[in-house]
Structures are given as C-alpha cells and as structure tokens.
Amino acid sequence: MQLTEQEKDQLYSIIAAFIGEDSAILTARPRFTEQTVSVVEEMLATNMNCNESTKSLVSEMLSGGRVLATGWLKRVLGAASKAVKNSTLSGYGCLVTTKSRWKTEILVSAM
C-alpha cells in the first residue's frame, strides 16, 4: 500500500519534529514508503527511551544521595526532583543522537 501525499507530509512533519528540518529527508519525502513508516516508528520508540533515560538520570541525581549539593541547590532538591519527574525532557542530546542514528535509515527506506 502506497502512502498518500498527505500521509507523506504528515510523516515528514513527525520526522522534522524529532530530528529537525533536513533538506535531504525533505527531498526524499515523495519517495516515502511503508518501510519509512516502520523506520520512523522505531526512531520514535528509541527517542522516547532516550528522553526517558535522561529524565530518569536527572531525577535520580536530584533525589538526594547522588548530588553533593551545598547552598541553594541542596535547599531545592526536593522541588527540583519533583519538577523533573513531572516534565518531559527532549534534550538536544537525544535529538542529535536520534538524527545521527536514523537519518540514513530513513533515506534508505525511501529509495
């Protein structure tokens, strides 16, 4: 089953949201296939795991025992930890890692 033009546009929007605008991927957009959809599904799962791991790491560090905090940070550790647990981190590291890992596979899937 082929993707409609609308589905290709929507798929590109999702890709761009996770790895940023990319001219090579935009150029490949007309050739997106079901395989591209599968690759992007894997990419999204990997990215969510990256963000979740980052969130967990920061949360653990802010939960007390792992941070040698003095002064102001020590006084706000509880609040900072709670804020991290309630937020979604979508850091630059995950974006760069996701793009590095998945860009080529997305392009290959559109051949």
PDB file of N, CA and C in Angstrom:
ATOM      1  N   MET A   1       0.838  -1.178   0.000  1.00  0.00           N
ATOM      2  CA  MET A   1       0.000   0.000   0.000  1.00  0.00           C
ATOM      3  C   MET A   1       0.887   1.247   0.000  1.00  0.00           C
ATOM      4  N   GLN A   2       0.613   2.141  -0.906  1.00  0.00           N
ATOM      5  CA  GLN A   2       1.390   3.373  -1.001  1.00  0.00           C
ATOM      6  C   GLN A   2       0.846   4.437  -0.065  1.00  0.00           C
ATOM      7  N   LEU A   3       1.720   5.346   0.317  1.00  0.00           N
ATOM      8  CA  LEU A   3       1.309   6.458   1.154  1.00  0.00           C
ATOM      9  C   LEU A   3       0.725   7.562   0.283  1.00  0.00           C
ATOM     10  N   THR A   4      -0.286   8.228   0.794  1.00  0.00           N
ATOM     11  CA  THR A   4      -0.842   9.383   0.086  1.00  0.00           C
ATOM     12  C   THR A   4       0.100  10.564   0.273  1.00  0.00           C
ATOM     13  N   GLU A   5      -0.089  11.579  -0.519  1.00  0.00           N
ATOM     14  CA  GLU A   5       0.736  12.794  -0.376  1.00  0.00           C
ATOM     15  C   GLU A   5       0.544  13.401   1.010  1.00  0.00           C
ATOM     16  N   GLN A   6      -0.680  13.374   1.499  1.00  0.00           N
ATOM     17  CA  GLN A   6      -0.959  13.901   2.830  1.00  0.00           C
ATOM     18  C   GLN A   6      -0.216  13.090   3.893  1.00  0.00           C
ATOM     19  N   GLU A   7      -0.219  11.773   3.762  1.00  0.00           N
ATOM     20  CA  GLU A   7       0.497  10.923   4.717  1.00  0.00           C
ATOM     21  C   GLU A   7       1.998  11.182   4.666  1.00  0.00           C
ATOM     22  N   LYS A   8       2.528  11.401   3.472  1.00  0.00           N
ATOM     23  CA  LYS A   8       3.962  11.716   3.343  1.00  0.00           C
ATOM     24  C   LYS A   8       4.285  13.039   4.025  1.00  0.00           C
ATOM     25  N   ASP A   9       3.409  14.025   3.840  1.00  0.00           N
ATOM     26  CA  ASP A   9       3.603  15.322   4.505  1.00  0.00           C
ATOM     27  C   ASP A   9       3.553  15.168   6.019  1.00  0.00           C
ATOM     28  N   GLN A  10       2.583  14.401   6.489  1.00  0.00           N
ATOM     29  CA  GLN A  10       2.437  14.193   7.928  1.00  0.00           C
ATOM     30  C   GLN A  10       3.641  13.439   8.487  1.00  0.00           C
ATOM     31  N   LEU A  11       4.109  12.450   7.749  1.00  0.00           N
ATOM     32  CA  LEU A  11       5.279  11.686   8.186  1.00  0.00           C
ATOM     33  C   LEU A  11       6.501  12.590   8.255  1.00  0.00           C
ATOM     34  N   TYR A  12       6.681  13.441   7.250  1.00  0.00           N
ATOM     35  CA  TYR A  12       7.817  14.369   7.287  1.00  0.00           C
ATOM     36  C   TYR A  12       7.706  15.302   8.491  1.00  0.00           C
ATOM     37  N   SER A  13       6.492  15.766   8.805  1.00  0.00           N
ATOM     38  CA  SER A  13       6.304  16.652   9.962  1.00  0.00           C
ATOM     39  C   SER A  13       6.738  15.973  11.248  1.00  0.00           C
ATOM     40  N   ILE A  14       6.416  14.692  11.376  1.00  0.00           N
ATOM     41  CA  ILE A  14       6.816  13.943  12.569  1.00  0.00           C
ATOM     42  C   ILE A  14       8.332  13.804  12.609  1.00  0.00           C
ATOM     43  N   ILE A  15       8.920  13.451  11.479  1.00  0.00           N
ATOM     44  CA  ILE A  15      10.383  13.307  11.415  1.00  0.00           C
ATOM     45  C   ILE A  15      11.049  14.624  11.802  1.00  0.00           C
ATOM     46  N   ALA A  16      10.583  15.725  11.209  1.00  0.00           N
ATOM     47  CA  ALA A  16      11.180  17.036  11.470  1.00  0.00           C
ATOM     48  C   ALA A  16      11.036  17.443  12.935  1.00  0.00           C
ATOM     49  N   ALA A  17       9.940  17.051  13.555  1.00  0.00           N
ATOM     50  CA  ALA A  17       9.741  17.391  14.968  1.00  0.00           C
ATOM     51  C   ALA A  17      10.766  16.690  15.856  1.00  0.00           C
ATOM     52  N   PHE A  18      11.223  15.520  15.438  1.00  0.00           N
ATOM     53  CA  PHE A  18      12.153  14.757  16.263  1.00  0.00           C
ATOM     54  C   PHE A  18      13.613  14.964  15.897  1.00  0.00           C
ATOM     55  N   ILE A  19      13.909  15.286  14.647  1.00  0.00           N
ATOM     56  CA  ILE A  19      15.318  15.453  14.282  1.00  0.00           C
ATOM     57  C   ILE A  19      15.607  16.798  13.635  1.00  0.00           C
ATOM     58  N   GLY A  20      14.614  17.645  13.525  1.00  0.00           N
ATOM     59  CA  GLY A  20      14.796  18.963  12.928  1.00  0.00           C
ATOM     60  C   GLY A  20      14.590  18.916  11.422  1.00  0.00           C
ATOM     61  N   GLU A  21      14.458  20.082  10.842  1.00  0.00           N
ATOM     62  CA  GLU A  21      14.304  20.189   9.388  1.00  0.00           C
ATOM     63  C   GLU A  21      15.572  19.663   8.736  1.00  0.00           C
ATOM     64  N   ASP A  22      15.413  18.892   7.678  1.00  0.00           N
ATOM     65  CA  ASP A  22      16.564  18.313   6.996  1.00  0.00           C
ATOM     66  C   ASP A  22      16.282  18.285   5.504  1.00  0.00           C
ATOM     67  N   SER A  23      17.116  18.962   4.727  1.00  0.00           N
ATOM     68  CA  SER A  23      16.862  19.079   3.285  1.00  0.00           C
ATOM     69  C   SER A  23      16.932  17.735   2.559  1.00  0.00           C
ATOM     70  N   ALA A  24      17.815  16.841   2.982  1.00  0.00           N
ATOM     71  CA  ALA A  24      17.922  15.535   2.328  1.00  0.00           C
ATOM     72  C   ALA A  24      16.660  14.709   2.558  1.00  0.00           C
ATOM     73  N   ILE A  25      16.144  14.756   3.769  1.00  0.00           N
ATOM     74  CA  ILE A  25      14.926  13.997   4.064  1.00  0.00           C
ATOM     75  C   ILE A  25      13.728  14.651   3.378  1.00  0.00           C
ATOM     76  N   LEU A  26      13.704  15.971   3.345  1.00  0.00           N
ATOM     77  CA  LEU A  26      12.618  16.669   2.639  1.00  0.00           C
ATOM     78  C   LEU A  26      12.620  16.300   1.159  1.00  0.00           C
ATOM     79  N   THR A  27      13.795  16.206   0.566  1.00  0.00           N
ATOM     80  CA  THR A  27      13.915  15.809  -0.839  1.00  0.00           C
ATOM     81  C   THR A  27      13.433  14.374  -1.048  1.00  0.00           C
ATOM     82  N   ALA A  28      13.638  13.517  -0.062  1.00  0.00           N
ATOM     83  CA  ALA A  28      13.207  12.116  -0.153  1.00  0.00           C
ATOM     84  C   ALA A  28      11.719  11.934   0.138  1.00  0.00           C
ATOM     85  N   ARG A  29      11.068  12.942   0.658  1.00  0.00           N
ATOM     86  CA  ARG A  29       9.664  12.848   1.055  1.00  0.00           C
ATOM     87  C   ARG A  29       8.756  12.248  -0.020  1.00  0.00           C
ATOM     88  N   PRO A  30       8.879  12.592  -1.292  1.00  0.00           N
ATOM     89  CA  PRO A  30       7.990  11.993  -2.304  1.00  0.00           C
ATOM     90  C   PRO A  30       8.148  10.473  -2.436  1.00  0.00           C
ATOM     91  N   ARG A  31       9.266   9.944  -1.972  1.00  0.00           N
ATOM     92  CA  ARG A  31       9.526   8.505  -2.091  1.00  0.00           C
ATOM     93  C   ARG A  31       9.279   7.740  -0.786  1.00  0.00           C
ATOM     94  N   PHE A  32       8.698   8.396   0.215  1.00  0.00           N
ATOM     95  CA  PHE A  32       8.404   7.710   1.470  1.00  0.00           C
ATOM     96  C   PHE A  32       7.497   6.514   1.200  1.00  0.00           C
ATOM     97  N   THR A  33       7.766   5.425   1.918  1.00  0.00           N
ATOM     98  CA  THR A  33       7.016   4.183   1.756  1.00  0.00           C
ATOM     99  C   THR A  33       6.554   3.675   3.120  1.00  0.00           C
ATOM    100  N   GLU A  34       5.883   2.532   3.086  1.00  0.00           N
ATOM    101  CA  GLU A  34       5.509   1.868   4.334  1.00  0.00           C
ATOM    102  C   GLU A  34       6.762   1.534   5.148  1.00  0.00           C
ATOM    103  N   GLN A  35       7.851   1.225   4.457  1.00  0.00           N
ATOM    104  CA  GLN A  35       9.119   0.946   5.149  1.00  0.00           C
ATOM    105  C   GLN A  35       9.590   2.178   5.905  1.00  0.00           C
ATOM    106  N   THR A  36       9.398   3.358   5.325  1.00  0.00           N
ATOM    107  CA  THR A  36       9.760   4.600   6.005  1.00  0.00           C
ATOM    108  C   THR A  36       8.941   4.754   7.279  1.00  0.00           C
ATOM    109  N   VAL A  37       7.662   4.408   7.192  1.00  0.00           N
ATOM    110  CA  VAL A  37       6.798   4.479   8.374  1.00  0.00           C
ATOM    111  C   VAL A  37       7.349   3.561   9.464  1.00  0.00           C
ATOM    112  N   SER A  38       7.743   2.363   9.106  1.00  0.00           N
ATOM    113  CA  SER A  38       8.302   1.420  10.082  1.00  0.00           C
ATOM    114  C   SER A  38       9.578   1.952  10.717  1.00  0.00           C
ATOM    115  N   VAL A  39      10.440   2.525   9.893  1.00  0.00           N
ATOM    116  CA  VAL A  39      11.696   3.093  10.404  1.00  0.00           C
ATOM    117  C   VAL A  39      11.395   4.224  11.383  1.00  0.00           C
ATOM    118  N   VAL A  40      10.445   5.076  11.031  1.00  0.00           N
ATOM    119  CA  VAL A  40      10.112   6.212  11.896  1.00  0.00           C
ATOM    120  C   VAL A  40       9.483   5.713  13.205  1.00  0.00           C
ATOM    121  N   GLU A  41       8.680   4.653  13.146  1.00  0.00           N
ATOM    122  CA  GLU A  41       8.139   4.082  14.382  1.00  0.00           C
ATOM    123  C   GLU A  41       9.267   3.644  15.309  1.00  0.00           C
ATOM    124  N   GLU A  42      10.260   2.978  14.766  1.00  0.00           N
ATOM    125  CA  GLU A  42      11.414   2.555  15.574  1.00  0.00           C
ATOM    126  C   GLU A  42      12.168   3.768  16.116  1.00  0.00           C
ATOM    127  N   MET A  43      12.326   4.788  15.260  1.00  0.00           N
ATOM    128  CA  MET A  43      13.016   6.003  15.673  1.00  0.00           C
ATOM    129  C   MET A  43      12.299   6.660  16.850  1.00  0.00           C
ATOM    130  N   LEU A  44      10.972   6.736  16.786  1.00  0.00           N
ATOM    131  CA  LEU A  44      10.203   7.369  17.855  1.00  0.00           C
ATOM    132  C   LEU A  44      10.359   6.600  19.169  1.00  0.00           C
ATOM    133  N   ALA A  45      10.306   5.280  19.092  1.00  0.00           N
ATOM    134  CA  ALA A  45      10.469   4.467  20.298  1.00  0.00           C
ATOM    135  C   ALA A  45      11.850   4.675  20.903  1.00  0.00           C
ATOM    136  N   THR A  46      12.863   4.710  20.049  1.00  0.00           N
ATOM    137  CA  THR A  46      14.232   4.927  20.520  1.00  0.00           C
ATOM    138  C   THR A  46      14.372   6.298  21.158  1.00  0.00           C
ATOM    139  N   ASN A  47      13.788   7.306  20.525  1.00  0.00           N
ATOM    140  CA  ASN A  47      13.870   8.667  21.056  1.00  0.00           C
ATOM    141  C   ASN A  47      13.160   8.762  22.402  1.00  0.00           C
ATOM    142  N   MET A  48      12.011   8.131  22.524  1.00  0.00           N
ATOM    143  CA  MET A  48      11.293   8.172  23.805  1.00  0.00           C
ATOM    144  C   MET A  48      12.113   7.498  24.893  1.00  0.00           C
ATOM    145  N   ASN A  49      12.773   6.399  24.554  1.00  0.00           N
ATOM    146  CA  ASN A  49      13.635   5.732  25.529  1.00  0.00           C
ATOM    147  C   ASN A  49      14.798   6.622  25.927  1.00  0.00           C
ATOM    148  N   CYS A  50      15.368   7.338  24.974  1.00  0.00           N
ATOM    149  CA  CYS A  50      16.473   8.257  25.270  1.00  0.00           C
ATOM    150  C   CYS A  50      16.007   9.335  26.233  1.00  0.00           C
ATOM    151  N   ASN A  51      14.863   9.952  25.922  1.00  0.00           N
ATOM    152  CA  ASN A  51      14.353  11.006  26.785  1.00  0.00           C
ATOM    153  C   ASN A  51      14.006  10.468  28.170  1.00  0.00           C
ATOM    154  N   GLU A  52      13.433   9.276  28.218  1.00  0.00           N
ATOM    155  CA  GLU A  52      13.070   8.673  29.496  1.00  0.00           C
ATOM    156  C   GLU A  52      14.321   8.361  30.313  1.00  0.00           C
ATOM    157  N   SER A  53      15.366   7.872  29.660  1.00  0.00           N
ATOM    158  CA  SER A  53      16.619   7.586  30.357  1.00  0.00           C
ATOM    159  C   SER A  53      17.252   8.864  30.892  1.00  0.00           C
ATOM    160  N   THR A  54      17.216   9.922  30.096  1.00  0.00           N
ATOM    161  CA  THR A  54      17.766  11.206  30.534  1.00  0.00           C
ATOM    162  C   THR A  54      16.970  11.730  31.720  1.00  0.00           C
ATOM    163  N   LYS A  55      15.661  11.654  31.626  1.00  0.00           N
ATOM    164  CA  LYS A  55      14.795  12.111  32.702  1.00  0.00           C
ATOM    165  C   LYS A  55      15.073  11.315  33.978  1.00  0.00           C
ATOM    166  N   SER A  56      15.211  10.005  33.848  1.00  0.00           N
ATOM    167  CA  SER A  56      15.484   9.148  34.998  1.00  0.00           C
ATOM    168  C   SER A  56      16.825   9.491  35.635  1.00  0.00           C
ATOM    169  N   LEU A  57      17.838   9.687  34.807  1.00  0.00           N
ATOM    170  CA  LEU A  57      19.163  10.022  35.322  1.00  0.00           C
ATOM    171  C   LEU A  57      19.136  11.330  36.103  1.00  0.00           C
ATOM    172  N   VAL A  58      18.547  12.357  35.519  1.00  0.00           N
ATOM    173  CA  VAL A  58      18.489  13.658  36.195  1.00  0.00           C
ATOM    174  C   VAL A  58      17.669  13.544  37.471  1.00  0.00           C
ATOM    175  N   SER A  59      16.566  12.818  37.407  1.00  0.00           N
ATOM    176  CA  SER A  59      15.717  12.638  38.587  1.00  0.00           C
ATOM    177  C   SER A  59      16.474  11.950  39.710  1.00  0.00           C
ATOM    178  N   GLU A  60      17.211  10.891  39.371  1.00  0.00           N
ATOM    179  CA  GLU A  60      17.996  10.187  40.383  1.00  0.00           C
ATOM    180  C   GLU A  60      19.063  11.090  40.987  1.00  0.00           C
ATOM    181  N   MET A  61      19.704  11.874  40.138  1.00  0.00           N
ATOM    182  CA  MET A  61      20.752  12.759  40.644  1.00  0.00           C
ATOM    183  C   MET A  61      20.161  13.809  41.574  1.00  0.00           C
ATOM    184  N   LEU A  62      18.958  14.276  41.265  1.00  0.00           N
ATOM    185  CA  LEU A  62      18.351  15.322  42.077  1.00  0.00           C
ATOM    186  C   LEU A  62      17.614  14.785  43.295  1.00  0.00           C
ATOM    187  N   SER A  63      17.493  13.474  43.404  1.00  0.00           N
ATOM    188  CA  SER A  63      16.713  12.916  44.506  1.00  0.00           C
ATOM    189  C   SER A  63      17.461  12.920  45.835  1.00  0.00           C
ATOM    190  N   GLY A  64      18.677  13.344  45.836  1.00  0.00           N
ATOM    191  CA  GLY A  64      19.381  13.458  47.108  1.00  0.00           C
ATOM    192  C   GLY A  64      20.753  12.859  47.112  1.00  0.00           C
ATOM    193  N   GLY A  65      20.847  11.600  47.398  1.00  0.00           N
ATOM    194  CA  GLY A  65      22.108  10.943  47.681  1.00  0.00           C
ATOM    195  C   GLY A  65      23.186  11.056  46.638  1.00  0.00           C
ATOM    196  N   ARG A  66      22.868  11.294  45.402  1.00  0.00           N
ATOM    197  CA  ARG A  66      23.892  11.275  44.362  1.00  0.00           C
ATOM    198  C   ARG A  66      24.464  12.653  44.041  1.00  0.00           C
ATOM    199  N   VAL A  67      23.918  13.668  44.636  1.00  0.00           N
ATOM    200  CA  VAL A  67      24.403  15.015  44.354  1.00  0.00           C
ATOM    201  C   VAL A  67      25.065  15.576  45.603  1.00  0.00           C
ATOM    202  N   LEU A  68      26.268  16.026  45.442  1.00  0.00           N
ATOM    203  CA  LEU A  68      26.958  16.681  46.555  1.00  0.00           C
ATOM    204  C   LEU A  68      26.626  18.161  46.474  1.00  0.00           C
ATOM    205  N   ALA A  69      25.425  18.486  46.911  1.00  0.00           N
ATOM    206  CA  ALA A  69      24.936  19.850  46.776  1.00  0.00           C
ATOM    207  C   ALA A  69      25.185  20.632  48.059  1.00  0.00           C
ATOM    208  N   THR A  70      25.548  21.879  47.892  1.00  0.00           N
ATOM    209  CA  THR A  70      25.662  22.776  49.026  1.00  0.00           C
ATOM    210  C   THR A  70      24.916  24.046  48.687  1.00  0.00           C
ATOM    211  N   GLY A  71      24.540  24.781  49.690  1.00  0.00           N
ATOM    212  CA  GLY A  71      23.883  26.050  49.467  1.00  0.00           C
ATOM    213  C   GLY A  71      22.491  25.921  48.872  1.00  0.00           C
ATOM    214  N   TRP A  72      22.223  26.728  47.880  1.00  0.00           N
ATOM    215  CA  TRP A  72      20.876  26.842  47.334  1.00  0.00           C
ATOM    216  C   TRP A  72      20.358  25.556  46.704  1.00  0.00           C
ATOM    217  N   LEU A  73      21.212  24.821  46.012  1.00  0.00           N
ATOM    218  CA  LEU A  73      20.741  23.617  45.337  1.00  0.00           C
ATOM    219  C   LEU A  73      20.241  22.588  46.345  1.00  0.00           C
ATOM    220  N   LYS A  74      20.961  22.466  47.447  1.00  0.00           N
ATOM    221  CA  LYS A  74      20.556  21.500  48.459  1.00  0.00           C
ATOM    222  C   LYS A  74      19.178  21.831  49.015  1.00  0.00           C
ATOM    223  N   ARG A  75      18.877  23.097  49.145  1.00  0.00           N
ATOM    224  CA  ARG A  75      17.581  23.516  49.686  1.00  0.00           C
ATOM    225  C   ARG A  75      16.437  23.245  48.719  1.00  0.00           C
ATOM    226  N   VAL A  76      16.721  23.176  47.423  1.00  0.00           N
ATOM    227  CA  VAL A  76      15.641  22.997  46.452  1.00  0.00           C
ATOM    228  C   VAL A  76      15.637  21.629  45.787  1.00  0.00           C
ATOM    229  N   LEU A  77      16.424  20.701  46.298  1.00  0.00           N
ATOM    230  CA  LEU A  77      16.496  19.381  45.666  1.00  0.00           C
ATOM    231  C   LEU A  77      15.138  18.706  45.549  1.00  0.00           C
ATOM    232  N   GLY A  78      14.355  18.751  46.593  1.00  0.00           N
ATOM    233  CA  GLY A  78      13.039  18.108  46.560  1.00  0.00           C
ATOM    234  C   GLY A  78      12.161  18.695  45.472  1.00  0.00           C
ATOM    235  N   ALA A  79      12.107  20.011  45.414  1.00  0.00           N
ATOM    236  CA  ALA A  79      11.286  20.674  44.402  1.00  0.00           C
ATOM    237  C   ALA A  79      11.841  20.428  43.005  1.00  0.00           C
ATOM    238  N   ALA A  80      13.156  20.456  42.868  1.00  0.00           N
ATOM    239  CA  ALA A  80      13.769  20.218  41.563  1.00  0.00           C
ATOM    240  C   ALA A  80      13.500  18.798  41.098  1.00  0.00           C
ATOM    241  N   SER A  81      13.611  17.855  42.013  1.00  0.00           N
ATOM    242  CA  SER A  81      13.359  16.457  41.679  1.00  0.00           C
ATOM    243  C   SER A  81      11.913  16.270  41.234  1.00  0.00           C
ATOM    244  N   LYS A  82      10.992  16.881  41.948  1.00  0.00           N
ATOM    245  CA  LYS A  82       9.575  16.785  41.597  1.00  0.00           C
ATOM    246  C   LYS A  82       9.319  17.412  40.227  1.00  0.00           C
ATOM    247  N   ALA A  83       9.934  18.532  39.959  1.00  0.00           N
ATOM    248  CA  ALA A  83       9.757  19.202  38.669  1.00  0.00           C
ATOM    249  C   ALA A  83      10.276  18.333  37.530  1.00  0.00           C
ATOM    250  N   VAL A  84      11.419  17.698  37.739  1.00  0.00           N
ATOM    251  CA  VAL A  84      11.984  16.835  36.701  1.00  0.00           C
ATOM    252  C   VAL A  84      11.072  15.645  36.457  1.00  0.00           C
ATOM    253  N   LYS A  85      10.549  15.066  37.511  1.00  0.00           N
ATOM    254  CA  LYS A  85       9.666  13.908  37.369  1.00  0.00           C
ATOM    255  C   LYS A  85       8.389  14.269  36.620  1.00  0.00           C
ATOM    256  N   ASN A  86       7.942  15.507  36.742  1.00  0.00           N
ATOM    257  CA  ASN A  86       6.700  15.942  36.102  1.00  0.00           C
ATOM    258  C   ASN A  86       6.913  16.565  34.732  1.00  0.00           C
ATOM    259  N   SER A  87       8.135  16.599  34.261  1.00  0.00           N
ATOM    260  CA  SER A  87       8.407  17.234  32.977  1.00  0.00           C
ATOM    261  C   SER A  87       8.820  16.209  31.946  1.00  0.00           C
ATOM    262  N   THR A  88       8.808  16.641  30.711  1.00  0.00           N
ATOM    263  CA  THR A  88       9.293  15.798  29.626  1.00  0.00           C
ATOM    264  C   THR A  88      10.554  16.441  29.089  1.00  0.00           C
ATOM    265  N   LEU A  89      11.652  15.739  29.213  1.00  0.00           N
ATOM    266  CA  LEU A  89      12.902  16.252  28.689  1.00  0.00           C
ATOM    267  C   LEU A  89      13.038  15.826  27.242  1.00  0.00           C
ATOM    268  N   SER A  90      13.264  16.768  26.385  1.00  0.00           N
ATOM    269  CA  SER A  90      13.540  16.433  24.983  1.00  0.00           C
ATOM    270  C   SER A  90      14.821  17.165  24.627  1.00  0.00           C
ATOM    271  N   GLY A  91      15.854  16.740  25.249  1.00  0.00           N
ATOM    272  CA  GLY A  91      17.121  17.428  25.158  1.00  0.00           C
ATOM    273  C   GLY A  91      17.800  17.325  23.813  1.00  0.00           C
ATOM    274  N   TYR A  92      18.718  18.221  23.630  1.00  0.00           N
ATOM    275  CA  TYR A  92      19.497  18.296  22.400  1.00  0.00           C
ATOM    276  C   TYR A  92      20.271  17.004  22.162  1.00  0.00           C
ATOM    277  N   GLY A  93      20.745  16.397  23.238  1.00  0.00           N
ATOM    278  CA  GLY A  93      21.496  15.146  23.102  1.00  0.00           C
ATOM    279  C   GLY A  93      20.667  14.059  22.451  1.00  0.00           C
ATOM    280  N   CYS A  94      19.419  13.929  22.862  1.00  0.00           N
ATOM    281  CA  CYS A  94      18.554  12.912  22.258  1.00  0.00           C
ATOM    282  C   CYS A  94      18.249  13.267  20.807  1.00  0.00           C
ATOM    283  N   LEU A  95      18.045  14.538  20.516  1.00  0.00           N
ATOM    284  CA  LEU A  95      17.771  14.960  19.145  1.00  0.00           C
ATOM    285  C   LEU A  95      18.954  14.627  18.240  1.00  0.00           C
ATOM    286  N   VAL A  96      20.154  14.971  18.669  1.00  0.00           N
ATOM    287  CA  VAL A  96      21.349  14.717  17.872  1.00  0.00           C
ATOM    288  C   VAL A  96      21.580  13.219  17.698  1.00  0.00           C
ATOM    289  N   THR A  97      21.427  12.479  18.789  1.00  0.00           N
ATOM    290  CA  THR A  97      21.613  11.036  18.723  1.00  0.00           C
ATOM    291  C   THR A  97      20.593  10.391  17.800  1.00  0.00           C
ATOM    292  N   THR A  98      19.347  10.822  17.905  1.00  0.00           N
ATOM    293  CA  THR A  98      18.292  10.272  17.052  1.00  0.00           C
ATOM    294  C   THR A  98      18.574  10.570  15.588  1.00  0.00           C
ATOM    295  N   LYS A  99      18.948  11.801  15.288  1.00  0.00           N
ATOM    296  CA  LYS A  99      19.244  12.152  13.892  1.00  0.00           C
ATOM    297  C   LYS A  99      20.430  11.348  13.376  1.00  0.00           C
ATOM    298  N   SER A 100      21.465  11.268  14.172  1.00  0.00           N
ATOM    299  CA  SER A 100      22.662  10.533  13.768  1.00  0.00           C
ATOM    300  C   SER A 100      22.345   9.071  13.478  1.00  0.00           C
ATOM    301  N   ARG A 101      21.523   8.480  14.314  1.00  0.00           N
ATOM    302  CA  ARG A 101      21.214   7.057  14.198  1.00  0.00           C
ATOM    303  C   ARG A 101      20.219   6.753  13.072  1.00  0.00           C
ATOM    304  N   TRP A 102      19.241   7.630  12.845  1.00  0.00           N
ATOM    305  CA  TRP A 102      18.115   7.276  11.982  1.00  0.00           C
ATOM    306  C   TRP A 102      18.064   7.965  10.629  1.00  0.00           C
ATOM    307  N   LYS A 103      18.781   9.041  10.418  1.00  0.00           N
ATOM    308  CA  LYS A 103      18.680   9.780   9.151  1.00  0.00           C
ATOM    309  C   LYS A 103      18.980   8.877   7.952  1.00  0.00           C
ATOM    310  N   THR A 104      20.081   8.165   7.982  1.00  0.00           N
ATOM    311  CA  THR A 104      20.454   7.313   6.855  1.00  0.00           C
ATOM    312  C   THR A 104      19.411   6.238   6.620  1.00  0.00           C
ATOM    313  N   GLU A 105      18.919   5.640   7.688  1.00  0.00           N
ATOM    314  CA  GLU A 105      17.916   4.580   7.527  1.00  0.00           C
ATOM    315  C   GLU A 105      16.616   5.123   6.921  1.00  0.00           C
ATOM    316  N   ILE A 106      16.243   6.334   7.299  1.00  0.00           N
ATOM    317  CA  ILE A 106      15.046   6.963   6.703  1.00  0.00           C
ATOM    318  C   ILE A 106      15.281   7.175   5.206  1.00  0.00           C
ATOM    319  N   LEU A 107      16.452   7.690   4.853  1.00  0.00           N
ATOM    320  CA  LEU A 107      16.762   7.935   3.427  1.00  0.00           C
ATOM    321  C   LEU A 107      16.800   6.632   2.637  1.00  0.00           C
ATOM    322  N   VAL A 108      17.386   5.597   3.188  1.00  0.00           N
ATOM    323  CA  VAL A 108      17.460   4.309   2.512  1.00  0.00           C
ATOM    324  C   VAL A 108      16.054   3.729   2.319  1.00  0.00           C
ATOM    325  N   SER A 109      15.191   3.903   3.295  1.00  0.00           N
ATOM    326  CA  SER A 109      13.825   3.355   3.199  1.00  0.00           C
ATOM    327  C   SER A 109      13.022   4.037   2.097  1.00  0.00           C
ATOM    328  N   ALA A 110      13.436   5.218   1.684  1.00  0.00           N
ATOM    329  CA  ALA A 110      12.706   5.975   0.666  1.00  0.00           C
ATOM    330  C   ALA A 110      13.297   5.781  -0.731  1.00  0.00           C
ATOM    331  N   MET A 111      14.151   4.800  -0.906  1.00  0.00           N
ATOM    332  CA  MET A 111      14.753   4.561  -2.223  1.00  0.00           C
ATOM    333  C   MET A 111      13.890   3.661  -3.061  1.00  0.00           C
TER     334      MET A 111
END
